[in-house]
Amino acid sequence: MSCSKAEIHSVILFHLEERMEQGKKDYQLAKESRDSDTKSSAGDKFETGREMMQREMDKISASLDMQKSQLAQLQRIDLSENTARVALGSFIETDAEHYYLSVGLGKLSCAETTFYAISADSPIGELLMGKQINDTIELRGRKITIKSIQ
C-alpha cells in the first residue's frame, strides 16, 4: 500500500467537506430561486414553483445534516489505534478490494491505492466488523478473505 491510513482518512475528509460545500451552494441557489420567483397572474403556478424549490431545499438540508453527522463520526476516529480485529477506523486489505471502515462515501483513491469508504452499517461493513486477518466473509456468493488490517 502506498498511502498511510492518515492519508486515506484525509482523502475521505476532503471529499466529505467538498460535498458539504457543494450542498451549501446548492441550498443557497435553491433559496434564491424560491425567493426571486415573483407572483404572476397564474397564482397556482407561482405556489407550485415555490413549493418545488422548498422541497429541494428540504432535501439538500437533510443531506447536509447527514454529512455533518458523517463528519462528526470521521473526526471521532483515532488514527493511532491499530487493532487485531476490524473496528471503526480500520483499513482492511482483502483478496478482492481495500476498505476503510468509517463513513459511506464509496469508491475513492489515494496515490495508486483504490479503496472503498464504507460505514459500519453497510452490508459489507457489518460482515467485516470484528473479523481478523485470514477470516473469510461471504457477500453475494463471493468469498472474501482479509489479508491485513491497519
Protein backbone atom coordinates (compact mmCIF):
# COMPACT_ATOMS: atom_id res chain seq x y z
CA MET A 1 0.00 0.00 0.00
CA SER A 2 1.41 3.38 -0.95
CA CYS A 3 -0.84 5.56 1.25
CA SER A 4 -0.85 5.67 5.03
CA LYS A 5 -4.07 5.31 6.99
CA ALA A 6 -3.81 9.03 7.88
CA GLU A 7 -3.58 9.94 4.18
CA ILE A 8 -6.60 7.77 3.36
CA HIS A 9 -8.50 9.39 6.23
CA SER A 10 -7.57 12.82 4.80
CA VAL A 11 -8.85 11.85 1.34
CA ILE A 12 -12.21 10.91 2.86
CA LEU A 13 -12.32 14.10 4.91
CA PHE A 14 -11.55 16.16 1.80
CA HIS A 15 -14.31 14.50 -0.26
CA LEU A 16 -16.85 14.88 2.53
CA GLU A 17 -16.02 18.56 3.04
CA GLU A 18 -16.20 19.11 -0.74
CA ARG A 19 -19.68 17.54 -0.84
CA MET A 20 -20.77 19.72 2.07
CA GLU A 21 -19.55 22.89 0.33
CA GLN A 22 -21.43 21.93 -2.85
CA GLY A 23 -24.55 21.21 -0.79
CA LYS A 24 -24.36 24.66 0.82
CA LYS A 25 -24.05 26.28 -2.62
CA ASP A 26 -26.98 24.23 -3.97
CA TYR A 27 -29.10 25.21 -0.96
CA GLN A 28 -28.33 28.91 -1.45
CA LEU A 29 -29.19 28.70 -5.17
CA ALA A 30 -32.49 26.97 -4.43
CA LYS A 31 -33.29 29.58 -1.77
CA GLU A 32 -32.51 32.45 -4.13
CA SER A 33 -34.61 30.83 -6.85
CA ARG A 34 -37.53 30.36 -4.46
CA ASP A 35 -37.28 33.91 -3.13
CA SER A 36 -36.94 35.56 -6.56
CA ASP A 37 -39.96 33.76 -8.01
CA THR A 38 -42.44 36.58 -8.46
CA LYS A 39 -46.16 36.14 -8.18
CA SER A 40 -47.86 36.21 -11.52
CA SER A 41 -51.47 36.21 -12.58
CA ALA A 42 -51.21 32.42 -12.63
CA GLY A 43 -51.12 32.18 -8.83
CA ASP A 44 -51.15 28.39 -8.71
CA LYS A 45 -48.06 28.20 -10.92
CA PHE A 46 -46.26 30.57 -8.54
CA GLU A 47 -47.17 28.49 -5.49
CA THR A 48 -46.18 25.23 -7.22
CA GLY A 49 -42.78 26.64 -8.20
CA ARG A 50 -42.12 27.92 -4.68
CA GLU A 51 -43.21 24.59 -3.19
CA MET A 52 -40.88 22.68 -5.53
CA MET A 53 -37.95 24.91 -4.52
CA GLN A 54 -38.86 24.47 -0.85
CA ARG A 55 -38.86 20.68 -1.27
CA GLU A 56 -35.47 20.88 -2.96
CA MET A 57 -34.16 22.98 -0.07
CA ASP A 58 -35.52 20.45 2.43
CA LYS A 59 -33.83 17.60 0.55
CA ILE A 60 -30.49 19.44 0.45
CA SER A 61 -30.83 20.34 4.12
CA ALA A 62 -31.38 16.68 5.06
CA SER A 63 -28.34 15.70 3.01
CA LEU A 64 -26.23 18.35 4.75
CA ASP A 65 -27.40 17.09 8.15
CA MET A 66 -26.31 13.57 7.22
CA GLN A 67 -22.94 14.87 6.01
CA LYS A 68 -22.44 16.80 9.27
CA SER A 69 -23.13 13.59 11.15
CA GLN A 70 -20.61 11.72 8.97
CA LEU A 71 -18.02 14.46 9.58
CA ALA A 72 -18.52 14.16 13.35
CA GLN A 73 -18.13 10.37 13.10
CA LEU A 74 -14.98 10.75 10.99
CA GLN A 75 -13.49 13.19 13.49
CA ARG A 76 -14.01 10.68 16.35
CA ILE A 77 -11.76 8.07 14.69
CA ASP A 78 -8.42 7.62 16.48
CA LEU A 79 -5.87 7.17 13.68
CA SER A 80 -3.18 5.94 16.05
CA GLU A 81 -5.29 2.95 17.09
CA ASN A 82 -4.41 -0.34 15.39
CA THR A 83 -6.38 -3.39 16.39
CA ALA A 84 -6.16 -7.08 15.54
CA ARG A 85 -9.88 -7.03 14.77
CA VAL A 86 -11.78 -4.86 12.30
CA ALA A 87 -13.27 -1.80 14.02
CA LEU A 88 -14.31 1.71 13.10
CA GLY A 89 -11.23 3.36 11.56
CA SER A 90 -9.70 0.12 10.25
CA PHE A 91 -8.13 -0.01 6.81
CA ILE A 92 -8.80 -3.53 5.55
CA GLU A 93 -7.00 -5.16 2.67
CA THR A 94 -8.76 -8.23 1.30
CA ASP A 95 -8.02 -10.54 -1.60
CA ALA A 96 -10.69 -8.60 -3.53
CA GLU A 97 -10.64 -4.90 -2.51
CA HIS A 98 -9.42 -2.39 0.06
CA TYR A 99 -11.89 -0.89 2.55
CA TYR A 100 -11.72 1.93 5.07
CA LEU A 101 -14.39 1.45 7.73
CA SER A 102 -15.56 4.97 8.51
CA VAL A 103 -18.37 6.66 6.55
CA GLY A 104 -20.05 5.53 3.37
CA LEU A 105 -18.65 7.59 0.51
CA GLY A 106 -17.98 4.82 -1.98
CA LYS A 107 -15.00 4.32 -4.25
CA LEU A 108 -12.05 6.68 -3.72
CA SER A 109 -8.33 6.61 -4.34
CA CYS A 110 -5.11 7.71 -2.71
CA ALA A 111 -2.00 7.57 -4.90
CA GLU A 112 -2.21 4.16 -6.62
CA THR A 113 -4.50 2.68 -3.96
CA THR A 114 -8.19 2.39 -4.80
CA PHE A 115 -10.39 1.76 -1.80
CA TYR A 116 -14.00 1.91 -0.67
CA ALA A 117 -15.02 4.19 2.20
CA ILE A 118 -17.74 2.13 3.88
CA SER A 119 -19.84 2.58 7.00
CA ALA A 120 -20.19 0.01 9.75
CA ASP A 121 -23.91 -0.14 8.89
CA SER A 122 -23.32 -1.19 5.27
CA PRO A 123 -23.76 -4.89 4.40
CA ILE A 124 -20.01 -5.44 3.96
CA GLY A 125 -19.20 -3.25 6.97
CA GLU A 126 -21.43 -5.41 9.16
CA LEU A 127 -19.77 -8.58 7.83
CA LEU A 128 -16.22 -7.25 8.34
CA MET A 129 -16.77 -5.81 11.82
CA GLY A 130 -14.88 -7.80 14.45
CA LYS A 131 -13.10 -10.06 11.94
CA GLN A 132 -9.35 -10.80 11.99
CA ILE A 133 -6.62 -11.41 9.42
CA ASN A 134 -7.30 -14.62 7.42
CA ASP A 135 -11.01 -14.60 8.33
CA THR A 136 -13.33 -15.07 5.37
CA ILE A 137 -16.69 -13.45 4.80
CA GLU A 138 -19.25 -14.18 2.12
CA LEU A 139 -21.01 -11.38 0.28
CA ARG A 140 -23.45 -12.06 -2.56
CA GLY A 141 -21.99 -15.51 -3.14
CA ARG A 142 -18.40 -14.24 -3.18
CA LYS A 143 -15.87 -15.34 -0.57
CA ILE A 144 -13.58 -12.52 0.62
CA THR A 145 -10.52 -13.15 2.79
CA ILE A 146 -8.93 -10.48 4.97
CA LYS A 147 -5.21 -10.11 4.22
CA SER A 148 -4.31 -7.21 6.54
CA ILE A 149 -5.84 -4.72 8.98
CA GLN A 150 -4.38 -1.36 9.88
